[in-house]
Amino acid sequence: MNARPVLVGLGELLWDVYPEAAHFGGAPANFASHAASLGADAWMVSATGADDLGDRARDALRGRGVHCVHLVPDSHHATGQVLVTLDAAGVASYKFAADTAWDHLAWSDDIAALAARCDAVCFGTLGQRSPVSRETIHRFIEATPRTALRVFDVNLRQRFYDAQTLQSSLRLASVLKLNDEELPIVAELCGIHATTPREMLEELMSRHDLRLAALTRGPCGSLLLAGSEENECPAPPTTVVDTVGAGDAFTATLVTGFLRGLSLATINRHANAVASFVCSQKGATPPLPEALRHSPPE
């Protein structure tokens, strides 16, 4: 592995539109932004419209240290948007614009070259809602080195997933990350008949030969499983302002720590701390304090 691991966010790129303002987002873009903050050589593979939001997206990613060479301009479709509403607890719900630029992300030799040298790629279900982008995502993952982490961060949104998408993604993945609301849905659609969250996760890992699985549980923290090892960690107390991007921050911290060979306990503690900080801020990719950019001592 490189001293600075090459991490790729692959899939949707969009703007989270709140009642009072718009914030740059999309789970893979959030992942790439946080990975850059944590010291990775971070890249984004997606598409934007040839519009103001597309230009601003590039500026936002570059400002966060993410490479945008593979952020393809599309003159026929608008940059993605999602309307975000927050409940009294700061928990988000989403309404996505249809047929946007990232739905038309096409395969290319340049994208193939990046896939061949990446150490980890993060993808989800939303980016696969159209046949074009789904094919590109699958081809990218299949083109990564055998040793690369293929991170399936489920991110179930509205109607943009089904059993086939989940199962084909799990077949491609070596790492699974999901939350406690998503786990029973994934288990049911994948024919998992275990009764407890831990057993569901273990069966998914066994069936798909996963190297690492992470279950996030909001204020209750998270559970990590890797081979015969496991670790549970509570989330640090925080005042929740906005949960958007917290899961992506957790995933970026999880992946960078795992690539560096840190213990599950250290990784889990750091990932929960980063996610809790993001929950305390507005927007999905607030600048991380210097103390959170580095893993805590083992």
Protein backbone atom coordinates (compact mmCIF):
# COMPACT_ATOMS: atom_id res chain seq x y z
CA MET A 1 0.00 0.00 0.00
CA ASN A 2 1.13 3.57 -0.71
CA ALA A 3 2.20 5.82 2.18
CA ARG A 4 -0.87 7.86 1.26
CA PRO A 5 -3.50 5.31 0.25
CA VAL A 6 -5.45 6.04 -2.92
CA LEU A 7 -9.13 6.19 -1.96
CA VAL A 8 -11.97 6.70 -4.45
CA GLY A 9 -15.53 7.90 -3.92
CA LEU A 10 -17.58 6.38 -6.74
CA GLY A 11 -21.16 7.29 -7.66
CA GLU A 12 -23.55 10.11 -6.90
CA LEU A 13 -22.50 13.73 -6.56
CA LEU A 14 -25.12 16.28 -5.60
CA TRP A 15 -26.11 19.29 -3.58
CA ASP A 16 -28.05 18.91 -0.32
CA VAL A 17 -30.64 21.68 -0.50
CA TYR A 18 -31.89 22.76 2.93
CA PRO A 19 -34.69 25.30 3.47
CA GLU A 20 -32.11 28.00 4.16
CA ALA A 21 -29.10 27.03 2.04
CA ALA A 22 -27.46 24.45 -0.26
CA HIS A 23 -24.51 22.32 0.86
CA PHE A 24 -22.30 20.18 -1.33
CA GLY A 25 -22.78 16.43 -0.73
CA GLY A 26 -23.50 12.93 -1.97
CA ALA A 27 -22.21 9.96 0.06
CA PRO A 28 -19.19 9.11 -2.16
CA ALA A 29 -18.19 12.78 -2.34
CA ASN A 30 -18.51 13.10 1.43
CA PHE A 31 -16.40 9.96 1.83
CA ALA A 32 -13.69 11.33 -0.47
CA SER A 33 -13.69 14.71 1.29
CA HIS A 34 -13.26 13.16 4.73
CA ALA A 35 -10.66 10.70 3.43
CA ALA A 36 -8.60 13.65 2.16
CA SER A 37 -8.88 15.31 5.58
CA LEU A 38 -7.56 12.11 7.14
CA GLY A 39 -4.46 12.11 4.94
CA ALA A 40 -5.51 9.90 2.01
CA ASP A 41 -4.87 10.58 -1.67
CA ALA A 42 -8.58 11.03 -2.39
CA TRP A 43 -10.34 10.99 -5.77
CA MET A 44 -13.93 11.44 -6.91
CA VAL A 45 -15.42 9.56 -9.87
CA SER A 46 -18.80 10.95 -10.89
CA ALA A 47 -20.46 13.39 -13.31
CA THR A 48 -21.82 16.91 -13.00
CA GLY A 49 -23.89 19.12 -15.22
CA ALA A 50 -22.28 21.90 -17.22
CA ASP A 51 -23.87 24.38 -14.84
CA ASP A 52 -23.14 26.58 -11.85
CA LEU A 53 -23.72 23.79 -9.33
CA GLY A 54 -21.27 21.59 -11.24
CA ASP A 55 -18.60 24.31 -11.14
CA ARG A 56 -19.24 24.85 -7.45
CA ALA A 57 -19.01 21.11 -6.81
CA ARG A 58 -15.54 20.99 -8.37
CA ASP A 59 -14.46 23.99 -6.33
CA ALA A 60 -15.83 22.41 -3.16
CA LEU A 61 -14.01 19.12 -3.75
CA ARG A 62 -10.73 20.78 -4.70
CA GLY A 63 -11.01 22.96 -1.61
CA ARG A 64 -11.20 19.79 0.46
CA GLY A 65 -8.16 18.28 -1.22
CA VAL A 66 -9.99 15.83 -3.50
CA HIS A 67 -8.82 15.20 -7.08
CA CYS A 68 -11.51 16.03 -9.66
CA VAL A 69 -9.87 14.80 -12.88
CA HIS A 70 -12.53 12.08 -13.16
CA LEU A 71 -15.49 14.35 -12.43
CA VAL A 72 -17.00 14.18 -15.92
CA PRO A 73 -18.94 17.22 -17.27
CA ASP A 74 -22.30 16.39 -18.86
CA SER A 75 -23.88 19.10 -21.01
CA HIS A 76 -27.19 17.23 -21.33
CA HIS A 77 -28.10 16.69 -17.67
CA ALA A 78 -28.12 18.88 -14.58
CA THR A 79 -25.95 18.45 -11.52
CA GLY A 80 -27.73 16.33 -8.90
CA GLN A 81 -29.77 17.86 -6.11
CA VAL A 82 -31.63 16.51 -3.11
CA LEU A 83 -34.08 18.36 -0.89
CA VAL A 84 -33.17 17.73 2.76
CA THR A 85 -35.50 18.15 5.72
CA LEU A 86 -34.49 17.65 9.34
CA ASP A 87 -36.74 16.48 12.15
CA ALA A 88 -36.60 17.81 15.72
CA ALA A 89 -33.69 15.47 16.52
CA GLY A 90 -31.67 16.63 13.51
CA VAL A 91 -32.27 13.39 11.58
CA ALA A 92 -32.46 13.94 7.83
CA SER A 93 -34.93 12.80 5.16
CA TYR A 94 -34.31 13.23 1.44
CA LYS A 95 -36.09 13.87 -1.88
CA PHE A 96 -33.86 13.28 -4.91
CA ALA A 97 -34.01 14.94 -8.33
CA ALA A 98 -34.40 12.42 -11.17
CA ASP A 99 -32.19 11.78 -14.21
CA THR A 100 -29.22 13.90 -13.22
CA ALA A 101 -25.63 13.96 -14.48
CA TRP A 102 -24.31 11.25 -12.17
CA ASP A 103 -26.96 8.84 -13.53
CA HIS A 104 -25.03 8.98 -16.83
CA LEU A 105 -21.50 8.30 -15.63
CA ALA A 106 -19.85 6.40 -18.50
CA TRP A 107 -16.84 4.07 -18.48
CA SER A 108 -13.56 5.34 -19.92
CA ASP A 109 -9.91 4.37 -20.17
CA ASP A 110 -9.00 7.15 -17.74
CA ILE A 111 -11.38 5.79 -15.12
CA ALA A 112 -10.02 2.28 -15.69
CA ALA A 113 -6.47 3.55 -15.04
CA LEU A 114 -7.52 5.01 -11.68
CA ALA A 115 -9.29 1.78 -10.71
CA ALA A 116 -6.11 -0.21 -11.38
CA ARG A 117 -4.14 1.73 -8.77
CA CYS A 118 -6.63 2.41 -6.00
CA ASP A 119 -6.30 0.99 -2.48
CA ALA A 120 -9.98 1.39 -1.63
CA VAL A 121 -13.19 2.37 -3.41
CA CYS A 122 -16.46 3.29 -1.71
CA PHE A 123 -19.81 2.84 -3.47
CA GLY A 124 -23.48 2.48 -2.51
CA THR A 125 -26.93 1.75 -3.87
CA LEU A 126 -28.08 5.23 -4.91
CA GLY A 127 -25.35 5.66 -7.52
CA GLN A 128 -26.62 2.48 -9.20
CA ARG A 129 -30.18 3.65 -9.81
CA SER A 130 -29.59 3.95 -13.59
CA PRO A 131 -28.19 1.22 -15.90
CA VAL A 132 -25.36 3.43 -17.21
CA SER A 133 -23.92 4.42 -13.86
CA ARG A 134 -24.52 0.93 -12.42
CA GLU A 135 -22.46 -0.66 -15.18
CA THR A 136 -19.64 1.86 -14.70
CA ILE A 137 -19.60 1.30 -10.94
CA HIS A 138 -19.43 -2.47 -11.37
CA ARG A 139 -16.68 -2.25 -14.01
CA PHE A 140 -14.65 0.06 -11.79
CA ILE A 141 -14.86 -2.25 -8.80
CA GLU A 142 -13.96 -5.30 -10.88
CA ALA A 143 -10.91 -3.42 -12.25
CA THR A 144 -9.43 -2.69 -8.81
CA PRO A 145 -6.44 -4.71 -7.56
CA ARG A 146 -7.19 -7.94 -5.73
CA THR A 147 -5.88 -6.38 -2.50
CA ALA A 148 -8.03 -3.23 -2.71
CA LEU A 149 -10.86 -2.68 -0.25
CA ARG A 150 -14.19 -2.68 -2.10
CA VAL A 151 -16.38 -0.83 0.37
CA PHE A 152 -20.15 -1.23 -0.01
CA ASP A 153 -21.62 1.57 2.11
CA VAL A 154 -25.27 0.65 1.64
CA ASN A 155 -26.95 4.07 2.10
CA LEU A 156 -30.53 3.01 1.34
CA ARG A 157 -32.52 5.93 -0.02
CA GLN A 158 -36.25 5.98 -0.85
CA ARG A 159 -37.06 3.44 -3.59
CA PHE A 160 -33.58 3.41 -5.15
CA TYR A 161 -32.61 -0.14 -4.22
CA ASP A 162 -33.82 -3.71 -4.60
CA ALA A 163 -32.69 -7.24 -3.81
CA GLN A 164 -30.74 -7.58 -7.05
CA THR A 165 -28.76 -4.37 -6.44
CA LEU A 166 -27.96 -5.39 -2.87
CA GLN A 167 -26.91 -8.91 -3.77
CA SER A 168 -24.78 -7.94 -6.77
CA SER A 169 -23.08 -5.23 -4.68
CA LEU A 170 -22.32 -7.68 -1.88
CA ARG A 171 -20.80 -10.09 -4.39
CA LEU A 172 -18.41 -7.33 -5.48
CA ALA A 173 -17.62 -6.07 -1.99
CA SER A 174 -14.95 -6.99 0.53
CA VAL A 175 -16.17 -4.50 3.17
CA LEU A 176 -19.76 -3.80 4.26
CA LYS A 177 -20.91 -0.75 6.18
CA LEU A 178 -24.53 -0.09 7.11
CA ASN A 179 -26.63 1.27 9.96
CA ASP A 180 -29.08 -0.36 12.33
CA GLU A 181 -32.11 0.73 10.29
CA GLU A 182 -30.65 -0.67 7.06
CA LEU A 183 -29.47 -4.03 8.43
CA PRO A 184 -32.88 -5.73 8.80
CA ILE A 185 -33.92 -4.51 5.34
CA VAL A 186 -30.72 -5.84 3.76
CA ALA A 187 -31.05 -9.11 5.67
CA GLU A 188 -34.63 -9.65 4.51
CA LEU A 189 -33.90 -8.85 0.85
CA CYS A 190 -30.83 -11.09 0.90
CA GLY A 191 -32.62 -14.02 2.51
CA ILE A 192 -30.79 -13.82 5.84
CA HIS A 193 -32.86 -15.51 8.55
CA ALA A 194 -30.80 -14.69 11.65
CA THR A 195 -32.66 -12.95 14.46
CA THR A 196 -30.11 -10.65 16.12
CA PRO A 197 -28.15 -7.82 14.46
CA ARG A 198 -24.84 -9.52 15.25
CA GLU A 199 -26.00 -12.81 13.72
CA MET A 200 -27.32 -11.01 10.63
CA LEU A 201 -23.98 -9.29 10.16
CA GLU A 202 -22.04 -12.51 10.72
CA GLU A 203 -24.16 -14.38 8.16
CA LEU A 204 -23.69 -11.63 5.57
CA MET A 205 -19.94 -11.73 6.17
CA SER A 206 -19.77 -15.50 5.89
CA ARG A 207 -21.96 -15.72 2.80
CA HIS A 208 -20.02 -13.04 0.90
CA ASP A 209 -16.51 -13.67 2.30
CA LEU A 210 -16.20 -10.10 3.60
CA ARG A 211 -12.99 -8.93 5.26
CA LEU A 212 -14.66 -6.28 7.42
CA ALA A 213 -18.18 -5.27 8.43
CA ALA A 214 -19.33 -2.20 10.32
CA LEU A 215 -22.74 -1.62 11.90
CA THR A 216 -23.37 1.95 13.05
CA ARG A 217 -26.03 2.60 15.67
CA GLY A 218 -26.22 6.37 16.07
CA PRO A 219 -25.76 7.45 19.70
CA CYS A 220 -25.24 3.78 20.68
CA GLY A 221 -21.98 3.66 18.75
CA SER A 222 -20.90 0.87 16.43
CA LEU A 223 -19.91 -2.76 16.04
CA LEU A 224 -16.95 -3.85 13.89
CA LEU A 225 -16.30 -7.43 12.78
CA ALA A 226 -13.17 -8.63 10.97
CA GLY A 227 -12.42 -12.35 10.79
CA SER A 228 -12.58 -13.69 14.34
CA GLU A 229 -12.10 -10.20 15.84
CA GLU A 230 -14.80 -7.79 16.92
CA ASN A 231 -15.11 -4.50 18.73
CA GLU A 232 -17.99 -2.46 20.10
CA CYS A 233 -17.61 1.21 20.87
CA PRO A 234 -20.05 3.81 22.23
CA ALA A 235 -20.43 7.17 20.52
CA PRO A 236 -19.05 10.19 22.39
CA PRO A 237 -21.75 12.53 23.71
CA THR A 238 -22.56 15.34 21.32
CA THR A 239 -25.22 17.93 20.58
CA VAL A 240 -26.74 16.82 17.28
CA VAL A 241 -27.24 19.62 14.77
CA ASP A 242 -27.32 17.61 11.54
CA THR A 243 -26.67 13.90 10.92
CA VAL A 244 -25.98 14.33 7.17
CA GLY A 245 -22.50 13.07 6.33
CA ALA A 246 -21.78 11.49 9.73
CA GLY A 247 -21.97 7.97 8.32
CA ASP A 248 -19.67 8.92 5.44
CA ALA A 249 -17.17 10.39 7.89
CA PHE A 250 -17.31 7.13 9.86
CA THR A 251 -16.67 5.12 6.68
CA ALA A 252 -13.69 7.25 5.65
CA THR A 253 -12.14 6.91 9.11
CA LEU A 254 -12.86 3.17 9.15
CA VAL A 255 -11.20 2.59 5.78
CA THR A 256 -8.12 4.74 6.36
CA GLY A 257 -7.54 3.09 9.74
CA PHE A 258 -8.01 -0.44 8.40
CA LEU A 259 -5.59 0.20 5.53
CA ARG A 260 -3.02 1.41 8.03
CA GLY A 261 -3.31 -1.82 10.01
CA LEU A 262 -4.69 -0.27 13.18
CA SER A 263 -6.58 -2.35 15.73
CA LEU A 264 -10.36 -2.53 15.53
CA ALA A 265 -10.62 -0.81 18.91
CA THR A 266 -8.53 2.15 17.74
CA ILE A 267 -10.37 2.39 14.43
CA ASN A 268 -13.77 2.23 16.10
CA ARG A 269 -12.92 4.85 18.71
CA HIS A 270 -11.58 7.24 16.08
CA ALA A 271 -14.47 6.70 13.63
CA ASN A 272 -17.06 7.37 16.34
CA ALA A 273 -15.26 10.52 17.42
CA VAL A 274 -15.14 11.86 13.85
CA ALA A 275 -18.79 10.98 13.18
CA SER A 276 -19.92 12.59 16.43
CA PHE A 277 -18.11 15.79 15.53
CA VAL A 278 -19.78 15.88 12.10
CA CYS A 279 -23.19 15.44 13.80
CA SER A 280 -22.46 18.56 15.85
CA GLN A 281 -21.92 20.69 12.73
CA LYS A 282 -24.08 21.94 9.87
CA GLY A 283 -23.45 20.26 6.52
CA ALA A 284 -21.90 16.93 5.57
CA THR A 285 -18.20 17.84 5.36
CA PRO A 286 -17.24 20.40 8.01
CA PRO A 287 -13.46 20.88 8.41
CA LEU A 288 -12.14 18.37 10.94
CA PRO A 289 -10.22 19.72 13.93
CA GLU A 290 -6.54 18.86 13.85
CA ALA A 291 -6.94 16.47 16.77
CA LEU A 292 -9.42 14.36 14.78
CA ARG A 293 -7.28 14.18 11.64
CA HIS A 294 -5.00 11.65 13.30
CA SER A 295 -5.76 8.25 14.81
CA PRO A 296 -5.66 8.11 18.64
CA PRO A 297 -2.90 6.09 20.29
CA GLU A 298 -3.35 2.32 20.23
